[in-house]
Protein backbone atom coordinates (compact mmCIF):
# COMPACT_ATOMS: atom_id res chain seq x y z
CA MET A 1 24.90 -52.84 -74.91
CA ARG A 2 28.80 -52.98 -73.52
CA ALA A 3 29.95 -55.42 -71.21
CA ALA A 4 32.11 -54.65 -68.34
CA SER A 5 35.17 -55.67 -69.75
CA ASP A 6 35.22 -52.96 -72.30
CA LEU A 7 35.29 -50.64 -69.73
CA GLN A 8 38.70 -51.33 -68.75
CA SER A 9 42.15 -51.19 -70.88
CA PRO A 10 44.48 -54.60 -70.19
CA THR A 11 47.20 -52.64 -72.01
CA SER A 12 46.97 -49.00 -69.36
CA GLU A 13 47.16 -48.23 -65.70
CA MET A 14 44.78 -45.61 -66.03
CA VAL A 15 41.22 -46.32 -67.27
CA LEU A 16 39.01 -43.37 -68.39
CA LEU A 17 35.70 -44.49 -68.24
CA THR A 18 32.76 -41.53 -69.18
CA PRO A 19 29.44 -40.86 -67.56
CA ALA A 20 27.48 -41.12 -70.15
CA SER A 21 28.19 -44.75 -70.46
CA GLU A 22 25.04 -47.20 -71.17
CA THR A 23 25.56 -49.92 -68.66
CA ALA A 24 28.60 -49.96 -65.80
CA PRO A 25 28.90 -52.32 -63.23
CA SER A 26 27.85 -51.03 -60.18
CA ALA A 27 30.51 -50.58 -57.92
CA THR A 28 31.45 -48.43 -54.22
CA THR A 29 35.01 -47.60 -54.56
CA GLU A 30 36.12 -45.38 -51.04
CA ASN A 31 33.39 -42.55 -51.20
CA ALA A 32 33.46 -42.39 -55.08
CA THR A 33 30.48 -44.42 -56.80
CA VAL A 34 30.13 -46.21 -60.23
CA ALA A 35 26.90 -47.05 -60.60
CA GLY A 36 24.90 -48.73 -63.31
CA MET A 37 21.93 -49.82 -64.63
CA SER A 38 21.87 -53.33 -67.06
CA ASN A 39 17.65 -53.87 -68.90
CA GLY A 40 18.40 -57.20 -70.88
CA GLY A 41 22.20 -59.01 -70.04
CA VAL A 42 23.05 -62.41 -68.78
CA GLY A 43 22.96 -61.68 -65.30
CA GLY A 44 19.66 -58.80 -65.81
CA GLN A 45 19.34 -56.55 -63.44
CA ARG A 46 22.55 -55.74 -61.36
CA GLU A 47 21.79 -55.42 -57.44
CA GLY A 48 23.27 -51.92 -55.96
CA SER A 49 21.73 -49.98 -59.48
CA ALA A 50 18.42 -50.59 -58.97
CA GLU A 51 17.88 -47.19 -57.55
CA SER A 52 20.22 -45.43 -60.85
CA ASN A 53 18.38 -44.61 -64.46
CA THR A 54 22.16 -43.55 -65.90
CA SER A 55 25.44 -44.73 -65.27
CA ALA A 56 28.02 -42.40 -63.12
CA VAL A 57 31.39 -42.30 -62.23
CA ARG A 58 31.72 -39.26 -59.55
CA MET A 59 34.36 -37.50 -58.04
CA LYS A 60 35.75 -38.95 -55.29
CA LYS A 61 34.71 -36.38 -51.74
CA GLN A 62 38.52 -36.17 -50.84
CA LEU A 63 38.54 -32.44 -49.63
CA GLY A 64 38.00 -31.42 -46.41
CA LEU A 65 37.95 -28.36 -44.22
CA LEU A 66 41.17 -27.27 -44.94
CA GLU A 67 41.63 -28.51 -48.18
CA GLY A 68 38.91 -25.86 -48.56
CA VAL A 69 41.41 -23.19 -47.21
CA ALA A 70 43.96 -24.07 -49.11
CA ILE A 71 42.19 -24.39 -52.18
CA ILE A 72 41.19 -20.85 -51.64
CA LEU A 73 44.19 -18.99 -49.69
CA GLY A 74 46.05 -20.86 -52.27
CA ILE A 75 44.70 -19.10 -55.35
CA ILE A 76 44.36 -15.45 -53.65
CA PHE A 77 47.51 -15.25 -52.08
CA GLY A 78 49.37 -15.41 -55.59
CA SER A 79 52.95 -13.48 -56.29
CA GLY A 80 50.57 -9.92 -56.87
CA ILE A 81 51.07 -9.24 -52.79
CA PHE A 82 54.84 -9.76 -52.81
CA ILE A 83 55.24 -8.02 -55.63
CA SER A 84 53.11 -4.75 -57.17
CA PRO A 85 50.46 -4.24 -53.73
CA LYS A 86 51.12 -0.80 -54.89
CA GLY A 87 47.70 0.21 -57.73
CA VAL A 88 46.30 1.60 -54.76
CA ILE A 89 48.58 3.83 -53.65
CA ARG A 90 49.69 5.15 -56.81
CA GLU A 91 46.11 6.62 -56.93
CA VAL A 92 45.38 7.56 -54.21
CA GLU A 93 48.54 8.81 -53.22
CA ALA A 94 47.66 8.94 -49.74
CA VAL A 95 48.62 6.13 -47.06
CA GLY A 96 45.59 6.70 -45.14
CA THR A 97 43.25 6.52 -47.33
CA SER A 98 44.77 3.37 -49.21
CA LEU A 99 44.68 1.38 -45.90
CA ILE A 100 40.78 2.34 -45.67
CA ILE A 101 40.44 0.86 -49.39
CA TRP A 102 41.84 -2.48 -49.13
CA VAL A 103 40.00 -3.05 -45.32
CA LEU A 104 36.62 -1.74 -47.70
CA CYS A 105 37.80 -3.94 -50.73
CA GLY A 106 37.92 -6.90 -48.28
CA LEU A 107 34.38 -6.25 -46.85
CA LEU A 108 33.25 -6.20 -50.19
CA SER A 109 34.84 -9.69 -51.21
CA MET A 110 33.86 -11.34 -48.23
CA ILE A 111 30.10 -10.02 -49.56
CA GLY A 112 30.72 -11.52 -52.84
CA ALA A 113 32.15 -14.59 -51.16
CA LEU A 114 29.53 -15.44 -48.63
CA CYS A 115 26.78 -14.69 -52.40
CA TYR A 116 29.22 -17.99 -53.89
CA ALA A 117 28.75 -19.68 -50.65
CA GLU A 118 24.87 -19.63 -50.82
CA LEU A 119 25.47 -20.70 -54.73
CA GLY A 120 27.38 -23.44 -53.43
CA THR A 121 24.78 -24.99 -51.09
CA ALA A 122 21.95 -24.08 -53.08
CA ILE A 123 23.26 -25.45 -56.45
CA PRO A 124 25.59 -28.18 -55.22
CA LYS A 125 27.35 -29.34 -58.32
CA SER A 126 30.96 -28.24 -59.62
CA GLY A 127 31.24 -25.56 -62.34
CA GLY A 128 31.31 -22.37 -60.40
CA ASP A 129 30.36 -20.04 -62.49
CA TYR A 130 29.62 -21.85 -65.10
CA ALA A 131 27.11 -24.09 -63.66
CA TYR A 132 25.58 -21.30 -61.72
CA ILE A 133 24.92 -19.41 -65.67
CA LEU A 134 23.77 -22.70 -66.75
CA GLU A 135 20.86 -22.61 -64.02
CA ALA A 136 19.92 -19.43 -64.24
CA TYR A 137 20.43 -17.92 -67.46
CA GLY A 138 19.99 -21.15 -69.71
CA SER A 139 22.70 -23.43 -72.35
CA LEU A 140 23.76 -20.32 -74.41
CA PRO A 141 25.36 -17.78 -71.65
CA ALA A 142 26.93 -20.91 -69.86
CA PHE A 143 28.13 -22.14 -73.04
CA LEU A 144 29.54 -18.82 -74.01
CA TYR A 145 31.32 -17.89 -71.03
CA LEU A 146 32.53 -21.86 -70.96
CA TRP A 147 33.83 -21.37 -74.10
CA ASP A 148 35.62 -17.95 -73.10
CA ALA A 149 37.33 -19.02 -70.12
CA MET A 150 38.10 -22.54 -71.77
CA MET A 151 40.23 -20.67 -74.68
CA ILE A 152 41.49 -17.33 -72.97
CA PHE A 153 41.44 -16.62 -68.89
CA VAL A 154 42.54 -20.23 -68.24
CA PRO A 155 45.51 -20.83 -70.84
CA THR A 156 46.69 -17.13 -70.47
CA THR A 157 46.30 -16.84 -66.40
CA ASN A 158 48.76 -20.67 -66.53
CA ALA A 159 51.08 -18.76 -69.00
CA ILE A 160 51.55 -15.68 -66.34
CA MET A 161 51.41 -17.50 -63.23
CA GLY A 162 54.14 -20.11 -64.87
CA LEU A 163 56.00 -17.07 -66.17
CA THR A 164 56.01 -15.36 -62.49
CA PHE A 165 57.45 -18.31 -61.10
CA ALA A 166 60.42 -19.36 -63.88
CA SER A 167 61.38 -15.82 -63.05
CA TYR A 168 61.86 -15.57 -59.67
CA VAL A 169 63.14 -19.69 -60.14
CA LEU A 170 66.02 -18.29 -62.81
CA GLN A 171 67.03 -14.82 -61.09
CA PRO A 172 69.58 -15.34 -59.19
CA PHE A 173 71.42 -17.32 -61.37
CA PHE A 174 72.08 -14.18 -63.70
CA ASP A 175 73.34 -10.99 -62.82
CA ASN A 176 71.19 -7.70 -61.98
CA GLU A 177 72.36 -6.48 -65.07
CA CYS A 178 71.30 -9.37 -67.41
CA SER A 179 68.18 -10.03 -68.04
CA ILE A 180 66.83 -13.83 -67.92
CA PRO A 181 66.50 -14.90 -71.97
CA GLU A 182 63.24 -15.21 -73.40
CA GLY A 183 63.24 -19.45 -74.30
CA ALA A 184 64.58 -20.21 -70.89
CA LEU A 185 61.71 -18.26 -69.60
CA GLN A 186 59.10 -19.91 -71.00
CA LEU A 187 60.20 -23.71 -71.26
CA LEU A 188 61.02 -23.31 -67.21
CA ALA A 189 56.84 -22.29 -66.96
CA ALA A 190 55.77 -25.17 -69.89
CA VAL A 191 57.97 -27.30 -67.73
CA THR A 192 55.83 -26.35 -64.86
CA ILE A 193 53.12 -26.18 -66.17
CA CYS A 194 52.99 -29.67 -67.52
CA PHE A 195 54.24 -30.96 -64.40
CA LEU A 196 51.71 -29.60 -61.97
CA THR A 197 49.17 -31.15 -65.14
CA TYR A 198 50.67 -34.84 -63.95
CA LEU A 199 50.57 -34.05 -60.02
CA ASN A 200 46.85 -33.19 -60.42
CA SER A 201 45.44 -35.78 -62.97
CA CYS A 202 47.45 -38.33 -60.74
CA TYR A 203 47.95 -38.29 -57.35
CA MET A 204 45.19 -36.32 -56.42
CA LYS A 205 46.64 -36.58 -52.28
CA VAL A 206 49.73 -35.41 -52.65
CA THR A 207 49.01 -32.67 -54.79
CA THR A 208 46.44 -31.21 -51.39
CA LYS A 209 48.96 -32.41 -49.45
CA MET A 210 51.58 -29.94 -51.52
CA GLN A 211 48.94 -27.13 -51.44
CA ASN A 212 48.22 -27.44 -47.80
CA VAL A 213 51.93 -27.24 -46.91
CA ILE A 214 52.37 -24.44 -49.60
CA MET A 215 49.19 -21.92 -47.43
CA PHE A 216 51.25 -22.47 -44.32
CA THR A 217 54.85 -21.27 -45.78
CA LYS A 218 52.14 -18.78 -47.77
CA ILE A 219 51.17 -17.51 -44.50
CA ALA A 220 54.21 -17.93 -42.62
CA ALA A 221 56.32 -15.54 -45.41
CA LEU A 222 53.22 -12.63 -44.98
CA VAL A 223 53.45 -12.98 -40.86
CA LEU A 224 57.42 -13.07 -41.34
CA ILE A 225 57.17 -9.45 -43.24
CA ILE A 226 54.21 -7.94 -40.87
CA ILE A 227 56.56 -8.84 -37.60
CA VAL A 228 59.42 -6.97 -39.16
CA GLY A 229 56.85 -4.13 -40.26
CA VAL A 230 55.95 -4.15 -37.04
CA VAL A 231 59.89 -4.25 -35.69
CA TRP A 232 60.91 -1.67 -37.53
CA MET A 233 57.84 0.71 -36.52
CA CYS A 234 58.52 0.08 -32.72
CA MET A 235 61.45 1.28 -33.18
CA GLY A 236 60.22 5.20 -34.60
CA HIS A 237 60.39 4.77 -37.99
CA VAL A 238 56.73 5.88 -38.10
CA GLN A 239 57.47 8.55 -40.49
CA ASN A 240 55.43 7.68 -43.13
CA PHE A 241 52.37 7.91 -40.61
CA ASP A 242 52.68 11.48 -39.54
CA LYS A 243 50.20 12.52 -42.44
CA PRO A 244 47.96 9.44 -43.36
CA PHE A 245 45.17 12.20 -45.16
CA GLU A 246 47.28 14.07 -47.02
CA ASN A 247 47.25 14.91 -50.34
CA THR A 248 44.51 12.23 -50.59
CA GLN A 249 43.44 11.95 -54.54
CA THR A 250 39.62 12.28 -54.36
CA ASP A 251 39.18 12.18 -57.82
CA PRO A 252 36.01 9.63 -59.04
CA GLY A 253 38.21 7.81 -61.46
CA LYS A 254 40.95 7.54 -59.22
CA LEU A 255 39.44 6.02 -56.53
CA SER A 256 37.83 3.99 -59.09
CA VAL A 257 40.77 2.56 -59.99
CA ALA A 258 42.56 2.26 -56.54
CA PHE A 259 38.97 -0.08 -55.60
CA TYR A 260 39.86 -2.10 -58.34
CA SER A 261 43.61 -2.69 -57.95
CA GLY A 262 42.44 -3.93 -54.59
CA ILE A 263 39.35 -5.79 -55.28
CA PHE A 264 41.92 -7.55 -58.29
CA SER A 265 43.98 -8.86 -55.03
CA TYR A 266 41.73 -10.28 -53.52
CA ALA A 267 40.42 -12.61 -56.54
CA GLY A 268 40.42 -16.47 -56.51
CA TRP A 269 37.85 -16.45 -53.45
CA ASN A 270 34.63 -17.99 -55.70
CA TYR A 271 37.47 -20.93 -56.84
CA LEU A 272 36.18 -23.79 -54.72
CA ASN A 273 32.38 -23.52 -55.38
CA PHE A 274 34.46 -25.49 -58.86
CA MET A 275 34.87 -28.52 -57.22
CA THR A 276 31.96 -28.19 -54.96
CA GLU A 277 31.21 -31.99 -56.24
CA GLU A 278 34.71 -33.52 -54.39
CA LEU A 279 34.37 -31.21 -50.98
CA ARG A 280 32.67 -33.35 -48.45
CA ASP A 281 29.55 -31.89 -46.50
CA PRO A 282 29.57 -29.08 -48.70
CA TYR A 283 26.87 -27.56 -46.48
CA LYS A 284 28.87 -27.38 -43.73
CA ASN A 285 32.66 -27.41 -45.26
CA LEU A 286 31.74 -24.80 -47.69
CA PRO A 287 31.04 -21.55 -45.81
CA ARG A 288 33.44 -22.53 -42.96
CA ALA A 289 35.90 -22.26 -45.61
CA ILE A 290 34.73 -19.06 -46.71
CA TYR A 291 34.36 -17.29 -42.86
CA ILE A 292 37.90 -18.91 -42.54
CA SER A 293 39.67 -17.96 -45.37
CA LEU A 294 38.24 -13.83 -46.41
CA PRO A 295 38.43 -12.83 -42.88
CA LEU A 296 42.02 -14.20 -43.27
CA VAL A 297 42.96 -12.87 -45.83
CA THR A 298 41.98 -9.53 -45.56
CA ALA A 299 43.68 -8.89 -41.94
CA ILE A 300 46.75 -10.92 -43.45
CA TYR A 301 46.30 -7.70 -46.49
CA VAL A 302 46.06 -4.34 -44.42
CA LEU A 303 49.37 -5.53 -41.87
CA ALA A 304 51.29 -6.20 -44.82
CA ASN A 305 50.16 -3.40 -46.56
CA MET A 306 50.58 -1.38 -43.06
CA ALA A 307 54.55 -3.15 -43.07
CA TYR A 308 55.06 -2.38 -47.21
CA LEU A 309 54.02 1.61 -45.99
CA ALA A 310 56.89 1.67 -42.86
CA VAL A 311 59.93 0.72 -44.40
CA LEU A 312 59.52 2.27 -48.14
CA ALA A 313 57.73 5.42 -48.69
CA PRO A 314 54.77 5.72 -50.97
CA ALA A 315 57.36 7.37 -53.80
CA GLU A 316 59.42 4.35 -53.37
CA MET A 317 56.43 1.79 -52.87
CA ILE A 318 55.18 3.35 -56.50
CA ALA A 319 58.43 2.87 -58.65
CA SER A 320 59.66 -0.33 -56.85
CA ASP A 321 58.43 -3.67 -59.18
CA ALA A 322 59.12 -6.28 -56.67
CA ILE A 323 57.55 -4.18 -53.05
CA ALA A 324 58.41 -7.01 -50.79
CA VAL A 325 61.70 -7.76 -52.47
CA SER A 326 62.78 -4.01 -51.96
CA PHE A 327 61.21 -4.60 -48.96
CA GLY A 328 63.57 -7.46 -48.49
CA ASN A 329 66.98 -6.19 -49.29
CA ARG A 330 66.37 -2.97 -47.02
CA VAL A 331 65.29 -4.68 -43.37
CA LEU A 332 66.72 -8.21 -43.98
CA GLY A 333 70.05 -7.66 -45.36
CA LEU A 334 71.11 -11.12 -45.83
CA TRP A 335 68.52 -12.66 -45.16
CA SER A 336 66.76 -10.80 -47.72
CA PHE A 337 67.36 -13.58 -49.97
CA ILE A 338 64.51 -15.28 -48.29
CA ILE A 339 61.70 -12.72 -50.20
CA PRO A 340 62.12 -14.30 -54.25
CA ILE A 341 62.32 -18.79 -52.43
CA MET A 342 58.55 -16.91 -51.04
CA VAL A 343 57.43 -15.44 -54.13
CA ALA A 344 58.73 -18.23 -56.25
CA ILE A 345 56.93 -20.54 -53.93
CA SER A 346 53.05 -18.59 -54.44
CA ALA A 347 53.62 -18.84 -57.75
CA PHE A 348 53.92 -21.93 -57.67
CA GLY A 349 50.71 -22.81 -55.34
CA GLY A 350 48.21 -20.14 -57.25
CA LEU A 351 49.01 -22.45 -60.26
CA SER A 352 48.77 -25.37 -59.17
CA VAL A 353 45.39 -24.25 -57.89
CA HIS A 354 44.18 -22.75 -60.66
CA ILE A 355 45.18 -25.95 -62.74
CA MET A 356 42.94 -28.59 -60.37
CA THR A 357 39.97 -26.08 -60.50
CA SER A 358 39.84 -24.68 -63.34
CA SER A 359 39.50 -28.12 -64.83
CA ARG A 360 36.63 -28.88 -63.21
CA MET A 361 34.53 -26.35 -65.24
CA CYS A 362 35.95 -28.09 -68.15
CA PHE A 363 34.25 -30.96 -66.59
CA VAL A 364 31.04 -30.22 -66.30
CA GLY A 365 30.30 -28.72 -69.36
CA ALA A 366 31.46 -31.92 -71.11
CA ARG A 367 29.08 -34.03 -68.92
CA ASN A 368 26.53 -31.02 -69.62
CA GLY A 369 27.41 -31.50 -73.53
CA HIS A 370 28.68 -28.08 -73.88
CA MET A 371 32.09 -29.13 -75.07
CA PRO A 372 33.46 -32.46 -76.66
CA ALA A 373 32.48 -35.71 -74.33
CA ILE A 374 35.45 -37.56 -74.24
CA LEU A 375 36.67 -34.25 -71.52
CA SER A 376 34.14 -35.58 -69.42
CA ASN A 377 35.93 -38.96 -69.08
CA ILE A 378 37.11 -39.36 -65.60
CA SER A 379 39.66 -41.84 -64.32
CA VAL A 380 38.76 -44.51 -62.22
CA LYS A 381 41.87 -45.44 -60.87
CA GLN A 382 42.95 -41.76 -59.55
CA PHE A 383 38.93 -40.51 -60.09
CA THR A 384 40.16 -36.99 -61.77
CA PRO A 385 39.39 -35.81 -64.69
CA VAL A 386 42.62 -36.63 -67.02
CA PRO A 387 40.90 -35.99 -70.42
CA SER A 388 40.45 -32.16 -69.24
CA LEU A 389 44.03 -31.91 -67.23
CA VAL A 390 45.48 -32.75 -71.00
CA PHE A 391 43.61 -30.97 -73.24
CA LEU A 392 44.26 -27.21 -71.02
CA VAL A 393 47.69 -27.91 -70.43
CA ILE A 394 47.45 -28.25 -74.58
């Protein structure tokens, strides 16, 4: 049996306590509970912990509806909609058909998101896909999925997002004819990932507020693109919509790739389920966040693509490496520098959300014994899974 004093380190400001500790003092801190049970200490059984058979440090429920929407939109509205929403038009080669596919992909994503809303309320545990696989299929499939995600998917995704952010931050410092040094890209990406990991570890409230601001910034940038596109069409530039279904590709393979490209752009609607235990009133706020986010994403994606197609011909979209930048150069003139800034902010926000949510899957996996137990520790000062965050940044 461990004494209460053993649970704190006098030399460290941030104290870590595992949910599996055999004895811990009972305490309640604003929406977070440290519950414990002592079977034979000097004080006997502590009041307030008599109902608990195991001790636990629980995450603070500090995410409301706005934060939930910010998480979903933050990961969906990454840099992709600004850089390369050309996969659909490249395969179908018709403006009208491509817009229909964007709408259908939004509807399919909404169906998937509603399924996750049901799963999140039926199985109110953090961990997302891992938690549901564990509940439905048992330990082995969940274990394999967890390690695949932690060792391959999460680190590579963080690296790609970090490099995207770094490239758009550094590009203004180099001429168009000069390439950015690889070392500079990698260094800035690594520093950004480390900084966001630190922020997610020590300043959760700051992180969530920052993500709220970034969400509104992304929406404002996309609304700007949509408004410019509408004004452009009102000026009579509608030639790209004259024959919207001409030359439509009907090959099943091309249509499948087009749908895949569209669905990929909507990826991220399941990330709020990784933090269900930190969501206030998840039975209401989880479905509501999905009801708000997915229709909004679908509408913005369709309208943004209409704006792109109003300004750029399909061939120009396919040839462009950064569609929003080409769009800005064509219609915004001196203000075109806004677009790269918006892309960098979007990549930064998406990376922050991905670091925060993926660490919860690592934490829950360790709590279930599928990863080293130290990764199930939580900071009792910040109520964040610091070891999991550090593990993923390494």
